[in-house]
Amino acid sequence: QVQVTESGGGLAQTAGSLRVSCAASERPPPSYNMAWFRRAPGQEREFVAVISRSGGITYYADSVKGRFTISRDNAKNTVTLQMNSLQPADTAVYYCNKVSNLWPWGQGTQVTVSS
């Protein structure tokens, strides 16, 4: 069973930056479109960003467009989300997964943005 591990969250101030990464245990390196999702307290999990298998195509939720950047390193089996100009509304647990036929969800990584 594939395990997904997210890391890199933490505490940031408004307008600050954080980077979160995820790694999947599947071997060989997966060839899937990959996405980041997040769940804020009391809310449903929502889509944040997606990246194609090659990394050449990306798409973002309107709420993070222009502030977040998704990237991947297929050789290292990792997907990264660089988050700039953070806002308190970005406070959530962040998860990564495929965009279809999802793996079991990982623990996620907490991102907290203080005002």
C-alpha atoms as a PDB file:
ATOM      1  CA  GLN A   1       0.000   0.000   0.000  1.00  0.00           C
ATOM      2  CA  VAL A   2       1.359   3.371  -1.011  1.00  0.00           C
ATOM      3  CA  GLN A   3       2.174   5.749   1.819  1.00  0.00           C
ATOM      4  CA  VAL A   4       2.208   9.495   1.304  1.00  0.00           C
ATOM      5  CA  THR A   5       4.178  11.630   3.709  1.00  0.00           C
ATOM      6  CA  GLU A   6       3.811  15.413   3.851  1.00  0.00           C
ATOM      7  CA  SER A   7       6.344  17.641   5.571  1.00  0.00           C
ATOM      8  CA  GLY A   8       7.512  21.208   5.928  1.00  0.00           C
ATOM      9  CA  GLY A   9       4.522  22.975   7.437  1.00  0.00           C
ATOM     10  CA  GLY A  10       4.805  25.354  10.337  1.00  0.00           C
ATOM     11  CA  LEU A  11       3.975  28.824  11.540  1.00  0.00           C
ATOM     12  CA  ALA A  12       4.286  31.948   9.413  1.00  0.00           C
ATOM     13  CA  GLN A  13       3.199  35.535   9.695  1.00  0.00           C
ATOM     14  CA  THR A  14       0.921  37.225   7.181  1.00  0.00           C
ATOM     15  CA  ALA A  15       2.843  37.892   3.955  1.00  0.00           C
ATOM     16  CA  GLY A  16       5.413  35.278   4.910  1.00  0.00           C
ATOM     17  CA  SER A  17       6.425  32.118   3.061  1.00  0.00           C
ATOM     18  CA  LEU A  18       6.506  28.401   3.696  1.00  0.00           C
ATOM     19  CA  ARG A  19       7.309  25.357   1.615  1.00  0.00           C
ATOM     20  CA  VAL A  20       5.627  21.982   1.995  1.00  0.00           C
ATOM     21  CA  SER A  21       6.697  18.762   0.327  1.00  0.00           C
ATOM     22  CA  CYS A  22       5.366  15.276  -0.055  1.00  0.00           C
ATOM     23  CA  ALA A  23       6.888  11.958  -0.929  1.00  0.00           C
ATOM     24  CA  ALA A  24       5.190   8.760  -1.997  1.00  0.00           C
ATOM     25  CA  SER A  25       6.497   5.320  -1.176  1.00  0.00           C
ATOM     26  CA  GLU A  26       5.503   3.804  -4.516  1.00  0.00           C
ATOM     27  CA  ARG A  27       8.330   2.483  -6.656  1.00  0.00           C
ATOM     28  CA  PRO A  28       9.215   3.076  -9.432  1.00  0.00           C
ATOM     29  CA  PRO A  29       8.594   6.830  -9.288  1.00  0.00           C
ATOM     30  CA  PRO A  30       4.937   7.438  -9.994  1.00  0.00           C
ATOM     31  CA  SER A  31       3.843   8.851 -13.321  1.00  0.00           C
ATOM     32  CA  TYR A  32       0.664  10.547 -12.189  1.00  0.00           C
ATOM     33  CA  ASN A  33      -0.767  14.007 -12.173  1.00  0.00           C
ATOM     34  CA  MET A  34      -0.308  15.131  -8.581  1.00  0.00           C
ATOM     35  CA  ALA A  35      -2.162  17.699  -6.508  1.00  0.00           C
ATOM     36  CA  TRP A  36      -2.129  19.521  -3.228  1.00  0.00           C
ATOM     37  CA  PHE A  37      -5.269  19.816  -1.161  1.00  0.00           C
ATOM     38  CA  ARG A  38      -5.992  21.476   2.162  1.00  0.00           C
ATOM     39  CA  ARG A  39      -8.517  21.282   4.961  1.00  0.00           C
ATOM     40  CA  ALA A  40      -9.161  24.278   7.161  1.00  0.00           C
ATOM     41  CA  PRO A  41     -10.709  23.820  10.612  1.00  0.00           C
ATOM     42  CA  GLY A  42     -14.390  22.940  10.287  1.00  0.00           C
ATOM     43  CA  GLN A  43     -14.294  22.860   6.493  1.00  0.00           C
ATOM     44  CA  GLU A  44     -14.170  20.265   3.751  1.00  0.00           C
ATOM     45  CA  ARG A  45     -10.924  19.342   2.070  1.00  0.00           C
ATOM     46  CA  GLU A  46     -10.398  21.556  -0.971  1.00  0.00           C
ATOM     47  CA  PHE A  47      -8.218  21.545  -4.063  1.00  0.00           C
ATOM     48  CA  VAL A  48      -5.195  23.869  -4.074  1.00  0.00           C
ATOM     49  CA  ALA A  49      -2.994  23.065  -7.078  1.00  0.00           C
ATOM     50  CA  VAL A  50      -2.234  20.319  -9.606  1.00  0.00           C
ATOM     51  CA  ILE A  51       0.821  19.450 -11.674  1.00  0.00           C
ATOM     52  CA  SER A  52       1.067  17.191 -14.696  1.00  0.00           C
ATOM     53  CA  ARG A  53       3.218  14.063 -14.850  1.00  0.00           C
ATOM     54  CA  SER A  54       6.066  15.858 -16.590  1.00  0.00           C
ATOM     55  CA  GLY A  55       5.667  19.008 -14.522  1.00  0.00           C
ATOM     56  CA  GLY A  56       5.008  21.123 -17.582  1.00  0.00           C
ATOM     57  CA  ILE A  57       1.394  21.964 -16.810  1.00  0.00           C
ATOM     58  CA  THR A  58       0.090  23.432 -13.570  1.00  0.00           C
ATOM     59  CA  TYR A  59      -3.264  24.757 -12.426  1.00  0.00           C
ATOM     60  CA  TYR A  60      -4.248  26.570  -9.257  1.00  0.00           C
ATOM     61  CA  ALA A  61      -7.326  27.382  -7.254  1.00  0.00           C
ATOM     62  CA  ASP A  62      -8.260  31.036  -7.639  1.00  0.00           C
ATOM     63  CA  SER A  63      -7.608  31.619  -3.950  1.00  0.00           C
ATOM     64  CA  VAL A  64      -3.876  30.816  -4.293  1.00  0.00           C
ATOM     65  CA  LYS A  65      -3.143  31.780  -7.899  1.00  0.00           C
ATOM     66  CA  GLY A  66      -0.134  34.060  -8.141  1.00  0.00           C
ATOM     67  CA  ARG A  67       1.000  33.221  -4.603  1.00  0.00           C
ATOM     68  CA  PHE A  68       1.617  29.452  -4.603  1.00  0.00           C
ATOM     69  CA  THR A  69       3.816  27.419  -6.932  1.00  0.00           C
ATOM     70  CA  ILE A  70       3.622  23.641  -7.335  1.00  0.00           C
ATOM     71  CA  SER A  71       6.607  21.685  -8.621  1.00  0.00           C
ATOM     72  CA  ARG A  72       7.835  18.123  -8.709  1.00  0.00           C
ATOM     73  CA  ASP A  73      11.033  16.103  -8.874  1.00  0.00           C
ATOM     74  CA  ASN A  74      10.216  12.739 -10.389  1.00  0.00           C
ATOM     75  CA  ALA A  75      13.712  11.416  -9.761  1.00  0.00           C
ATOM     76  CA  LYS A  76      13.216  12.022  -6.022  1.00  0.00           C
ATOM     77  CA  ASN A  77       9.533  11.117  -6.028  1.00  0.00           C
ATOM     78  CA  THR A  78       8.577  14.413  -4.426  1.00  0.00           C
ATOM     79  CA  VAL A  79       6.034  17.168  -5.013  1.00  0.00           C
ATOM     80  CA  THR A  80       6.530  20.600  -3.484  1.00  0.00           C
ATOM     81  CA  LEU A  81       4.264  23.572  -2.853  1.00  0.00           C
ATOM     82  CA  GLN A  82       5.980  26.924  -2.383  1.00  0.00           C
ATOM     83  CA  MET A  83       3.623  29.301  -0.606  1.00  0.00           C
ATOM     84  CA  ASN A  84       4.306  33.032  -0.666  1.00  0.00           C
ATOM     85  CA  SER A  85       2.296  36.027   0.529  1.00  0.00           C
ATOM     86  CA  LEU A  86       0.559  33.798   3.034  1.00  0.00           C
ATOM     87  CA  GLN A  87      -2.717  34.923   4.550  1.00  0.00           C
ATOM     88  CA  PRO A  88      -4.561  33.735   7.661  1.00  0.00           C
ATOM     89  CA  ALA A  89      -7.126  32.111   5.322  1.00  0.00           C
ATOM     90  CA  ASP A  90      -4.344  29.744   4.185  1.00  0.00           C
ATOM     91  CA  THR A  91      -4.269  28.160   7.639  1.00  0.00           C
ATOM     92  CA  ALA A  92      -5.051  24.479   7.109  1.00  0.00           C
ATOM     93  CA  VAL A  93      -3.652  20.985   7.034  1.00  0.00           C
ATOM     94  CA  TYR A  94      -2.089  20.412   3.630  1.00  0.00           C
ATOM     95  CA  TYR A  95      -2.187  17.057   1.842  1.00  0.00           C
ATOM     96  CA  CYS A  96      -0.929  15.753  -1.472  1.00  0.00           C
ATOM     97  CA  ASN A  97      -2.350  12.941  -3.562  1.00  0.00           C
ATOM     98  CA  LYS A  98      -3.079  11.828  -7.080  1.00  0.00           C
ATOM     99  CA  VAL A  99      -6.020  13.521  -8.805  1.00  0.00           C
ATOM    100  CA  SER A 100      -7.889  10.269  -9.414  1.00  0.00           C
ATOM    101  CA  ASN A 101      -7.889   6.781  -7.898  1.00  0.00           C
ATOM    102  CA  LEU A 102      -6.556   8.392  -4.749  1.00  0.00           C
ATOM    103  CA  TRP A 103      -4.015   6.791  -2.497  1.00  0.00           C
ATOM    104  CA  PRO A 104      -4.871   6.605   1.198  1.00  0.00           C
ATOM    105  CA  TRP A 105      -4.520  10.090   2.636  1.00  0.00           C
ATOM    106  CA  GLY A 106      -1.365  10.865   4.579  1.00  0.00           C
ATOM    107  CA  GLN A 107      -1.262  12.708   7.894  1.00  0.00           C
ATOM    108  CA  GLY A 108      -0.849  16.035   6.177  1.00  0.00           C
ATOM    109  CA  THR A 109       1.244  18.933   7.403  1.00  0.00           C
ATOM    110  CA  GLN A 110      -0.122  21.836   9.418  1.00  0.00           C
ATOM    111  CA  VAL A 111       0.308  25.370   8.086  1.00  0.00           C
ATOM    112  CA  THR A 112      -0.661  28.183  10.428  1.00  0.00           C
ATOM    113  CA  VAL A 113      -0.583  31.827   9.365  1.00  0.00           C
ATOM    114  CA  SER A 114      -0.853  34.443  12.083  1.00  0.00           C
ATOM    115  CA  SER A 115      -2.283  37.890  11.481  1.00  0.00           C
END
